[in-house]
């Protein structure tokens, strides 16, 4: 049983130039986001419950090795760094998929953070699930394994919760507030500093697989079709176009000291304009 924790290496202090929009990052000080650290903790627990291995994987350069060594110190059995295209969610999912298949084969569970803190869209788990042919669960607060499946609790609007049973293989994304990564022991930290990080290089996709921009033109809204104005004279047609003599209800401001009168006025306005119907109808 293989459980992979997909981490993203980013600079939490990245700044944006207000004039050019250029993002300045210092990846030497980069780390994983809180959601990704929670994903690693969930992956470690699932590996223990399923009797399998936990692999921490990321897409990036050599600057991400320290982040992977921290995952080793926390308890991950192995780490893997993939070098290849990763400029958006689809490219990152493709690189992760190719690297995992080449090194380990198809994983049984992949746990990701729900949204990366480096201006990410949170689309990588969906693309990865499509490539793996796996079930997908998003925005999870709790994640556990029992009876050959995953049991999760997902956040819904209005403070509600949804309980899910997710079959394997699965790709799950978790929120940052669910769990906190365990503290690594000092001997594990010292041993992880000397550990090597295996690297898999993924080639860019072929031209047939790439999405290319073939044309760029300004946005022009579709014209709206309107009936031609009636009238034999130009003046009549101009009045019909401008609606000068069309009867209208003038706007008015109603101030009521009694809340009940204000409610009656509002309901009367909604009934008069067809938004509400009388109770007898």
C-alpha atoms as a PDB file:
ATOM      1  CA  UNK A   1       0.000   0.000   0.000  1.00  0.00           C
ATOM      2  CA  UNK A   2       1.536   3.289  -1.092  1.00  0.00           C
ATOM      3  CA  UNK A   3       0.372   6.631   0.318  1.00  0.00           C
ATOM      4  CA  UNK A   4       1.828   9.738  -1.322  1.00  0.00           C
ATOM      5  CA  UNK A   5       1.816  13.221   0.182  1.00  0.00           C
ATOM      6  CA  UNK A   6       2.043  15.810  -2.608  1.00  0.00           C
ATOM      7  CA  UNK A   7       3.762  18.941  -1.281  1.00  0.00           C
ATOM      8  CA  UNK A   8       4.399  22.304  -2.892  1.00  0.00           C
ATOM      9  CA  UNK A   9       7.525  24.324  -2.193  1.00  0.00           C
ATOM     10  CA  UNK A  10       6.916  28.086  -2.091  1.00  0.00           C
ATOM     11  CA  UNK A  11       8.159  31.288  -0.519  1.00  0.00           C
ATOM     12  CA  UNK A  12       5.620  32.502   2.078  1.00  0.00           C
ATOM     13  CA  UNK A  13       7.056  36.017   1.915  1.00  0.00           C
ATOM     14  CA  UNK A  14       6.815  36.472  -1.848  1.00  0.00           C
ATOM     15  CA  UNK A  15       6.221  40.073  -2.875  1.00  0.00           C
ATOM     16  CA  UNK A  16       4.539  41.479  -5.987  1.00  0.00           C
ATOM     17  CA  UNK A  17       5.943  44.523  -7.765  1.00  0.00           C
ATOM     18  CA  UNK A  18       3.056  47.048  -7.908  1.00  0.00           C
ATOM     19  CA  UNK A  19       4.178  48.427 -11.282  1.00  0.00           C
ATOM     20  CA  UNK A  20       5.105  45.345 -13.291  1.00  0.00           C
ATOM     21  CA  UNK A  21       3.239  42.618 -11.400  1.00  0.00           C
ATOM     22  CA  UNK A  22       6.401  40.529 -11.161  1.00  0.00           C
ATOM     23  CA  UNK A  23       6.447  38.077  -8.245  1.00  0.00           C
ATOM     24  CA  UNK A  24       9.730  38.061  -6.338  1.00  0.00           C
ATOM     25  CA  UNK A  25      10.431  34.816  -4.512  1.00  0.00           C
ATOM     26  CA  UNK A  26      13.293  33.539  -2.392  1.00  0.00           C
ATOM     27  CA  UNK A  27      12.989  29.759  -2.624  1.00  0.00           C
ATOM     28  CA  UNK A  28      15.966  29.310  -0.306  1.00  0.00           C
ATOM     29  CA  UNK A  29      13.593  30.321   2.493  1.00  0.00           C
ATOM     30  CA  UNK A  30      10.695  28.339   1.049  1.00  0.00           C
ATOM     31  CA  UNK A  31       8.653  25.690   2.817  1.00  0.00           C
ATOM     32  CA  UNK A  32       5.414  23.776   2.540  1.00  0.00           C
ATOM     33  CA  UNK A  33       2.116  25.479   3.288  1.00  0.00           C
ATOM     34  CA  UNK A  34       0.076  24.670   6.384  1.00  0.00           C
ATOM     35  CA  UNK A  35      -2.399  22.703   4.252  1.00  0.00           C
ATOM     36  CA  UNK A  36       0.421  20.630   2.744  1.00  0.00           C
ATOM     37  CA  UNK A  37       1.867  19.937   6.192  1.00  0.00           C
ATOM     38  CA  UNK A  38      -1.584  18.747   7.242  1.00  0.00           C
ATOM     39  CA  UNK A  39      -1.679  16.546   4.150  1.00  0.00           C
ATOM     40  CA  UNK A  40       1.638  14.995   5.177  1.00  0.00           C
ATOM     41  CA  UNK A  41       0.303  14.241   8.651  1.00  0.00           C
ATOM     42  CA  UNK A  42      -2.803  12.615   7.164  1.00  0.00           C
ATOM     43  CA  UNK A  43      -0.617  10.568   4.817  1.00  0.00           C
ATOM     44  CA  UNK A  44       1.537   9.368   7.720  1.00  0.00           C
ATOM     45  CA  UNK A  45      -1.542   8.286   9.661  1.00  0.00           C
ATOM     46  CA  UNK A  46      -3.046   6.517   6.659  1.00  0.00           C
ATOM     47  CA  UNK A  47       0.200   4.667   6.000  1.00  0.00           C
ATOM     48  CA  UNK A  48       0.226   3.431   9.609  1.00  0.00           C
ATOM     49  CA  UNK A  49      -3.437   2.404   9.469  1.00  0.00           C
ATOM     50  CA  UNK A  50      -3.098   0.627   6.110  1.00  0.00           C
ATOM     51  CA  UNK A  51       0.257  -0.948   6.864  1.00  0.00           C
ATOM     52  CA  UNK A  52       1.937   0.738   3.912  1.00  0.00           C
ATOM     53  CA  UNK A  53       4.601   3.283   3.040  1.00  0.00           C
ATOM     54  CA  UNK A  54       4.386   7.058   3.008  1.00  0.00           C
ATOM     55  CA  UNK A  55       6.201   8.940   0.244  1.00  0.00           C
ATOM     56  CA  UNK A  56       6.527  12.732   0.199  1.00  0.00           C
ATOM     57  CA  UNK A  57       6.763  14.045  -3.360  1.00  0.00           C
ATOM     58  CA  UNK A  58       7.088  17.515  -4.864  1.00  0.00           C
ATOM     59  CA  UNK A  59       7.739  19.222  -8.174  1.00  0.00           C
ATOM     60  CA  UNK A  60      10.619  21.670  -8.093  1.00  0.00           C
ATOM     61  CA  UNK A  61      14.323  22.287  -8.090  1.00  0.00           C
ATOM     62  CA  UNK A  62      17.060  21.550  -5.586  1.00  0.00           C
ATOM     63  CA  UNK A  63      15.704  24.321  -3.316  1.00  0.00           C
ATOM     64  CA  UNK A  64      12.914  21.914  -2.299  1.00  0.00           C
ATOM     65  CA  UNK A  65      15.277  19.273  -0.899  1.00  0.00           C
ATOM     66  CA  UNK A  66      15.241  20.745   2.613  1.00  0.00           C
ATOM     67  CA  UNK A  67      11.444  20.591   2.658  1.00  0.00           C
ATOM     68  CA  UNK A  68      11.577  16.915   1.682  1.00  0.00           C
ATOM     69  CA  UNK A  69      14.189  16.194   4.348  1.00  0.00           C
ATOM     70  CA  UNK A  70      11.833  17.720   6.919  1.00  0.00           C
ATOM     71  CA  UNK A  71       9.193  15.258   5.703  1.00  0.00           C
ATOM     72  CA  UNK A  72      11.680  12.429   6.226  1.00  0.00           C
ATOM     73  CA  UNK A  73      12.352  13.653   9.748  1.00  0.00           C
ATOM     74  CA  UNK A  74       8.615  13.725  10.472  1.00  0.00           C
ATOM     75  CA  UNK A  75       8.274  10.044   9.539  1.00  0.00           C
ATOM     76  CA  UNK A  76       7.948   9.706   5.774  1.00  0.00           C
ATOM     77  CA  UNK A  77       9.501   6.447   4.566  1.00  0.00           C
ATOM     78  CA  UNK A  78      10.796   7.929   1.293  1.00  0.00           C
ATOM     79  CA  UNK A  79      10.865  11.215  -0.600  1.00  0.00           C
ATOM     80  CA  UNK A  80      10.891  12.032  -4.290  1.00  0.00           C
ATOM     81  CA  UNK A  81      11.516  15.234  -6.191  1.00  0.00           C
ATOM     82  CA  UNK A  82      10.248  15.557  -9.743  1.00  0.00           C
ATOM     83  CA  UNK A  83      11.820  17.992 -12.165  1.00  0.00           C
ATOM     84  CA  UNK A  84       9.627  19.001 -15.059  1.00  0.00           C
ATOM     85  CA  UNK A  85       6.844  21.336 -16.139  1.00  0.00           C
ATOM     86  CA  UNK A  86       4.779  22.639 -13.255  1.00  0.00           C
ATOM     87  CA  UNK A  87       3.564  26.098 -14.171  1.00  0.00           C
ATOM     88  CA  UNK A  88      -0.132  25.286 -13.626  1.00  0.00           C
ATOM     89  CA  UNK A  89      -2.346  22.610 -12.103  1.00  0.00           C
ATOM     90  CA  UNK A  90      -2.510  20.439 -15.211  1.00  0.00           C
ATOM     91  CA  UNK A  91       1.256  20.508 -15.788  1.00  0.00           C
ATOM     92  CA  UNK A  92       2.001  19.838 -12.111  1.00  0.00           C
ATOM     93  CA  UNK A  93      -0.385  16.868 -12.067  1.00  0.00           C
ATOM     94  CA  UNK A  94       1.201  15.453 -15.220  1.00  0.00           C
ATOM     95  CA  UNK A  95       4.712  15.733 -13.763  1.00  0.00           C
ATOM     96  CA  UNK A  96       3.662  14.167 -10.442  1.00  0.00           C
ATOM     97  CA  UNK A  97       1.863  11.362 -12.235  1.00  0.00           C
ATOM     98  CA  UNK A  98       4.806  10.503 -14.493  1.00  0.00           C
ATOM     99  CA  UNK A  99       7.319  10.656 -11.625  1.00  0.00           C
ATOM    100  CA  UNK A 100       5.260   8.434  -9.308  1.00  0.00           C
ATOM    101  CA  UNK A 101       4.604   5.865 -12.014  1.00  0.00           C
ATOM    102  CA  UNK A 102       8.261   5.691 -12.987  1.00  0.00           C
ATOM    103  CA  UNK A 103       9.491   5.327  -9.408  1.00  0.00           C
ATOM    104  CA  UNK A 104       6.753   3.378  -7.595  1.00  0.00           C
ATOM    105  CA  UNK A 105       3.826   2.616  -9.860  1.00  0.00           C
ATOM    106  CA  UNK A 106       0.324   3.904  -9.242  1.00  0.00           C
ATOM    107  CA  UNK A 107      -0.160   5.035  -5.614  1.00  0.00           C
ATOM    108  CA  UNK A 108      -3.180   3.850  -3.659  1.00  0.00           C
ATOM    109  CA  UNK A 109      -3.794   7.208  -1.951  1.00  0.00           C
ATOM    110  CA  UNK A 110      -2.550  10.706  -2.728  1.00  0.00           C
ATOM    111  CA  UNK A 111      -3.117  13.424  -0.126  1.00  0.00           C
ATOM    112  CA  UNK A 112      -2.718  17.091  -1.094  1.00  0.00           C
ATOM    113  CA  UNK A 113      -3.382  20.431   0.498  1.00  0.00           C
ATOM    114  CA  UNK A 114      -6.690  21.903  -0.605  1.00  0.00           C
ATOM    115  CA  UNK A 115      -5.060  25.073  -1.927  1.00  0.00           C
ATOM    116  CA  UNK A 116      -1.445  26.119  -2.110  1.00  0.00           C
ATOM    117  CA  UNK A 117      -0.515  29.411  -0.502  1.00  0.00           C
ATOM    118  CA  UNK A 118       1.582  30.494  -3.494  1.00  0.00           C
ATOM    119  CA  UNK A 119      -1.334  31.930  -5.499  1.00  0.00           C
ATOM    120  CA  UNK A 120      -2.477  28.445  -6.487  1.00  0.00           C
ATOM    121  CA  UNK A 121      -5.938  27.538  -7.781  1.00  0.00           C
ATOM    122  CA  UNK A 122      -6.322  24.173  -6.037  1.00  0.00           C
ATOM    123  CA  UNK A 123      -6.842  22.392  -9.383  1.00  0.00           C
ATOM    124  CA  UNK A 124      -3.885  19.995  -9.136  1.00  0.00           C
ATOM    125  CA  UNK A 125      -5.768  17.277  -7.145  1.00  0.00           C
ATOM    126  CA  UNK A 126      -8.544  17.178  -9.751  1.00  0.00           C
ATOM    127  CA  UNK A 127      -6.116  16.821 -12.660  1.00  0.00           C
ATOM    128  CA  UNK A 128      -4.125  14.205 -10.738  1.00  0.00           C
ATOM    129  CA  UNK A 129      -7.240  12.160  -9.944  1.00  0.00           C
ATOM    130  CA  UNK A 130      -8.193  12.194 -13.622  1.00  0.00           C
ATOM    131  CA  UNK A 131      -4.757  10.920 -14.661  1.00  0.00           C
ATOM    132  CA  UNK A 132      -4.739   8.188 -12.004  1.00  0.00           C
ATOM    133  CA  UNK A 133      -8.322   7.142 -12.642  1.00  0.00           C
ATOM    134  CA  UNK A 134      -8.950   7.565  -8.918  1.00  0.00           C
ATOM    135  CA  UNK A 135     -11.814   8.788  -6.773  1.00  0.00           C
ATOM    136  CA  UNK A 136     -11.558  12.350  -5.536  1.00  0.00           C
ATOM    137  CA  UNK A 137     -12.619  14.133  -2.337  1.00  0.00           C
ATOM    138  CA  UNK A 138     -12.013  17.841  -1.752  1.00  0.00           C
ATOM    139  CA  UNK A 139     -11.947  20.225   1.210  1.00  0.00           C
ATOM    140  CA  UNK A 140     -11.640  17.558   3.899  1.00  0.00           C
ATOM    141  CA  UNK A 141     -11.403  18.250   7.621  1.00  0.00           C
ATOM    142  CA  UNK A 142     -10.937  14.643   8.736  1.00  0.00           C
ATOM    143  CA  UNK A 143      -9.526  11.599   6.952  1.00  0.00           C
ATOM    144  CA  UNK A 144      -9.154   8.034   8.230  1.00  0.00           C
ATOM    145  CA  UNK A 145      -8.925   4.492   6.853  1.00  0.00           C
ATOM    146  CA  UNK A 146     -11.263   1.643   7.775  1.00  0.00           C
ATOM    147  CA  UNK A 147     -12.482  -1.548   6.072  1.00  0.00           C
ATOM    148  CA  UNK A 148     -10.528  -1.040   2.861  1.00  0.00           C
ATOM    149  CA  UNK A 149     -11.795   2.481   2.197  1.00  0.00           C
ATOM    150  CA  UNK A 150     -11.279   6.040   3.359  1.00  0.00           C
ATOM    151  CA  UNK A 151     -13.754   7.786   5.625  1.00  0.00           C
ATOM    152  CA  UNK A 152     -13.702  11.577   5.476  1.00  0.00           C
ATOM    153  CA  UNK A 153     -15.558  14.613   6.778  1.00  0.00           C
ATOM    154  CA  UNK A 154     -15.942  17.517   4.367  1.00  0.00           C
ATOM    155  CA  UNK A 155     -16.852  21.102   5.124  1.00  0.00           C
ATOM    156  CA  UNK A 156     -20.064  22.481   3.626  1.00  0.00           C
ATOM    157  CA  UNK A 157     -21.524  25.968   3.594  1.00  0.00           C
ATOM    158  CA  UNK A 158     -23.445  27.213   6.613  1.00  0.00           C
ATOM    159  CA  UNK A 159     -21.331  25.313   9.131  1.00  0.00           C
ATOM    160  CA  UNK A 160     -22.567  21.918   7.957  1.00  0.00           C
ATOM    161  CA  UNK A 161     -20.508  18.755   7.495  1.00  0.00           C
ATOM    162  CA  UNK A 162     -20.678  15.861   5.053  1.00  0.00           C
ATOM    163  CA  UNK A 163     -19.427  12.337   5.785  1.00  0.00           C
ATOM    164  CA  UNK A 164     -17.874  10.539   2.819  1.00  0.00           C
ATOM    165  CA  UNK A 165     -16.775   6.992   2.093  1.00  0.00           C
ATOM    166  CA  UNK A 166     -14.043   7.196  -0.557  1.00  0.00           C
ATOM    167  CA  UNK A 167     -12.986   3.995  -2.370  1.00  0.00           C
ATOM    168  CA  UNK A 168      -9.383   3.269  -3.262  1.00  0.00           C
ATOM    169  CA  UNK A 169      -7.458   4.454  -5.200  1.00  0.00           C
ATOM    170  CA  UNK A 170      -8.212   8.006  -4.152  1.00  0.00           C
ATOM    171  CA  UNK A 171      -6.903  11.554  -4.302  1.00  0.00           C
ATOM    172  CA  UNK A 172      -7.863  13.642  -1.277  1.00  0.00           C
ATOM    173  CA  UNK A 173      -7.210  17.290  -0.520  1.00  0.00           C
ATOM    174  CA  UNK A 174      -7.351  18.463   3.079  1.00  0.00           C
ATOM    175  CA  UNK A 175      -7.745  21.854   4.717  1.00  0.00           C
ATOM    176  CA  UNK A 176      -5.084  23.432   6.857  1.00  0.00           C
ATOM    177  CA  UNK A 177      -7.018  23.451  10.121  1.00  0.00           C
ATOM    178  CA  UNK A 178      -7.725  19.723  10.356  1.00  0.00           C
ATOM    179  CA  UNK A 179      -4.488  18.411  11.887  1.00  0.00           C
ATOM    180  CA  UNK A 180      -0.994  19.619  12.705  1.00  0.00           C
ATOM    181  CA  UNK A 181       2.164  17.854  11.591  1.00  0.00           C
ATOM    182  CA  UNK A 182       3.818  15.879  14.361  1.00  0.00           C
ATOM    183  CA  UNK A 183       7.056  17.136  15.868  1.00  0.00           C
ATOM    184  CA  UNK A 184      10.140  15.376  14.551  1.00  0.00           C
ATOM    185  CA  UNK A 185      12.562  13.811  17.017  1.00  0.00           C
ATOM    186  CA  UNK A 186      16.106  15.191  17.137  1.00  0.00           C
ATOM    187  CA  UNK A 187      17.790  11.943  15.948  1.00  0.00           C
ATOM    188  CA  UNK A 188      15.429  11.851  12.958  1.00  0.00           C
ATOM    189  CA  UNK A 189      16.190  15.487  12.122  1.00  0.00           C
ATOM    190  CA  UNK A 190      19.935  14.857  12.219  1.00  0.00           C
ATOM    191  CA  UNK A 191      19.630  11.711  10.107  1.00  0.00           C
ATOM    192  CA  UNK A 192      17.414  13.474   7.543  1.00  0.00           C
ATOM    193  CA  UNK A 193      20.027  16.194   7.003  1.00  0.00           C
ATOM    194  CA  UNK A 194      22.402  13.622   5.541  1.00  0.00           C
ATOM    195  CA  UNK A 195      19.777  11.808   3.474  1.00  0.00           C
ATOM    196  CA  UNK A 196      19.875  11.981  -0.297  1.00  0.00           C
ATOM    197  CA  UNK A 197      16.842  13.054  -2.298  1.00  0.00           C
ATOM    198  CA  UNK A 198      16.092  10.951  -5.404  1.00  0.00           C
ATOM    199  CA  UNK A 199      15.159  12.945  -8.479  1.00  0.00           C
ATOM    200  CA  UNK A 200      13.044  11.940 -11.479  1.00  0.00           C
ATOM    201  CA  UNK A 201      13.185  14.159 -14.547  1.00  0.00           C
ATOM    202  CA  UNK A 202       9.982  14.334 -16.545  1.00  0.00           C
ATOM    203  CA  UNK A 203      10.232  15.474 -20.148  1.00  0.00           C
ATOM    204  CA  UNK A 204       7.898  18.199 -21.403  1.00  0.00           C
ATOM    205  CA  UNK A 205       4.795  16.955 -23.213  1.00  0.00           C
ATOM    206  CA  UNK A 206       4.877  16.449 -26.936  1.00  0.00           C
ATOM    207  CA  UNK A 207       3.551  19.173 -29.169  1.00  0.00           C
ATOM    208  CA  UNK A 208       0.329  17.218 -29.699  1.00  0.00           C
ATOM    209  CA  UNK A 209      -0.351  17.239 -25.932  1.00  0.00           C
ATOM    210  CA  UNK A 210       0.305  20.932 -25.404  1.00  0.00           C
ATOM    211  CA  UNK A 211      -2.390  23.584 -25.366  1.00  0.00           C
ATOM    212  CA  UNK A 212      -1.281  26.396 -27.663  1.00  0.00           C
ATOM    213  CA  UNK A 213      -2.717  29.850 -28.213  1.00  0.00           C
ATOM    214  CA  UNK A 214      -3.431  30.140 -31.919  1.00  0.00           C
ATOM    215  CA  UNK A 215      -5.117  33.559 -31.966  1.00  0.00           C
ATOM    216  CA  UNK A 216      -5.705  36.499 -29.653  1.00  0.00           C
ATOM    217  CA  UNK A 217      -8.337  39.146 -30.290  1.00  0.00           C
ATOM    218  CA  UNK A 218     -10.128  41.699 -28.117  1.00  0.00           C
ATOM    219  CA  UNK A 219     -13.341  40.702 -26.420  1.00  0.00           C
ATOM    220  CA  UNK A 220     -16.435  41.884 -28.242  1.00  0.00           C
ATOM    221  CA  UNK A 221     -19.797  41.121 -26.649  1.00  0.00           C
ATOM    222  CA  UNK A 222     -22.394  39.554 -28.888  1.00  0.00           C
ATOM    223  CA  UNK A 223     -24.845  42.171 -30.221  1.00  0.00           C
ATOM    224  CA  UNK A 224     -28.350  42.079 -28.830  1.00  0.00           C
ATOM    225  CA  UNK A 225     -31.197  41.761 -31.303  1.00  0.00           C
ATOM    226  CA  UNK A 226     -33.926  44.374 -30.789  1.00  0.00           C
ATOM    227  CA  UNK A 227     -37.165  44.898 -32.752  1.00  0.00           C
ATOM    228  CA  UNK A 228     -37.179  47.764 -35.211  1.00  0.00           C
ATOM    229  CA  UNK A 229     -39.026  50.896 -34.003  1.00  0.00           C
ATOM    230  CA  UNK A 230     -42.460  51.524 -35.455  1.00  0.00           C
ATOM    231  CA  UNK A 231     -43.768  54.705 -36.991  1.00  0.00           C
ATOM    232  CA  UNK A 232     -43.950  56.355 -40.387  1.00  0.00           C
ATOM    233  CA  UNK A 233     -42.025  59.467 -39.411  1.00  0.00           C
ATOM    234  CA  UNK A 234     -38.471  59.734 -38.155  1.00  0.00           C
ATOM    235  CA  UNK A 235     -39.679  61.586 -35.070  1.00  0.00           C
ATOM    236  CA  UNK A 236     -42.029  58.739 -34.120  1.00  0.00           C
ATOM    237  CA  UNK A 237     -39.269  56.207 -34.537  1.00  0.00           C
ATOM    238  CA  UNK A 238     -36.891  58.290 -32.408  1.00  0.00           C
ATOM    239  CA  UNK A 239     -39.496  58.566 -29.652  1.00  0.00           C
ATOM    240  CA  UNK A 240     -40.028  54.812 -29.775  1.00  0.00           C
ATOM    241  CA  UNK A 241     -36.285  54.187 -29.434  1.00  0.00           C
ATOM    242  CA  UNK A 242     -35.785  56.592 -26.540  1.00  0.00           C
ATOM    243  CA  UNK A 243     -39.014  55.714 -24.746  1.00  0.00           C
ATOM    244  CA  UNK A 244     -39.739  59.363 -24.036  1.00  0.00           C
ATOM    245  CA  UNK A 245     -43.494  59.016 -23.642  1.00  0.00           C
ATOM    246  CA  UNK A 246     -43.518  55.500 -22.126  1.00  0.00           C
ATOM    247  CA  UNK A 247     -45.295  55.664 -18.743  1.00  0.00           C
ATOM    248  CA  UNK A 248     -43.010  54.832 -15.854  1.00  0.00           C
ATOM    249  CA  UNK A 249     -43.352  54.587 -12.107  1.00  0.00           C
ATOM    250  CA  UNK A 250     -41.156  57.315 -10.636  1.00  0.00           C
ATOM    251  CA  UNK A 251     -38.709  56.187  -7.950  1.00  0.00           C
ATOM    252  CA  UNK A 252     -39.554  57.093  -4.380  1.00  0.00           C
ATOM    253  CA  UNK A 253     -37.992  56.784  -0.964  1.00  0.00           C
ATOM    254  CA  UNK A 254     -40.228  55.558   1.846  1.00  0.00           C
ATOM    255  CA  UNK A 255     -39.207  56.034   5.446  1.00  0.00           C
ATOM    256  CA  UNK A 256     -41.247  54.198   8.062  1.00  0.00           C
ATOM    257  CA  UNK A 257     -40.661  54.466  11.803  1.00  0.00           C
ATOM    258  CA  UNK A 258     -42.583  51.259  12.436  1.00  0.00           C
ATOM    259  CA  UNK A 259     -40.774  48.103  11.159  1.00  0.00           C
ATOM    260  CA  UNK A 260     -44.124  46.460  10.432  1.00  0.00           C
ATOM    261  CA  UNK A 261     -45.092  49.308   8.074  1.00  0.00           C
ATOM    262  CA  UNK A 262     -41.732  49.029   6.330  1.00  0.00           C
ATOM    263  CA  UNK A 263     -42.291  45.285   5.791  1.00  0.00           C
ATOM    264  CA  UNK A 264     -45.801  45.906   4.412  1.00  0.00           C
ATOM    265  CA  UNK A 265     -44.445  48.519   2.014  1.00  0.00           C
ATOM    266  CA  UNK A 266     -41.713  46.163   0.781  1.00  0.00           C
ATOM    267  CA  UNK A 267     -44.125  43.251   0.311  1.00  0.00           C
ATOM    268  CA  UNK A 268     -46.549  45.493  -1.546  1.00  0.00           C
ATOM    269  CA  UNK A 269     -43.788  46.570  -3.929  1.00  0.00           C
ATOM    270  CA  UNK A 270     -42.798  42.943  -4.602  1.00  0.00           C
ATOM    271  CA  UNK A 271     -46.428  41.926  -5.245  1.00  0.00           C
ATOM    272  CA  UNK A 272     -47.005  44.886  -7.564  1.00  0.00           C
ATOM    273  CA  UNK A 273     -44.037  43.903  -9.721  1.00  0.00           C
ATOM    274  CA  UNK A 274     -44.884  40.198  -9.838  1.00  0.00           C
ATOM    275  CA  UNK A 275     -42.168  38.886  -7.508  1.00  0.00           C
ATOM    276  CA  UNK A 276     -44.713  37.637  -4.957  1.00  0.00           C
ATOM    277  CA  UNK A 277     -48.173  36.211  -5.408  1.00  0.00           C
ATOM    278  CA  UNK A 278     -51.169  36.632  -3.156  1.00  0.00           C
ATOM    279  CA  UNK A 279     -51.733  33.835  -0.661  1.00  0.00           C
ATOM    280  CA  UNK A 280     -55.146  32.989  -2.142  1.00  0.00           C
ATOM    281  CA  UNK A 281     -53.688  32.214  -5.603  1.00  0.00           C
END
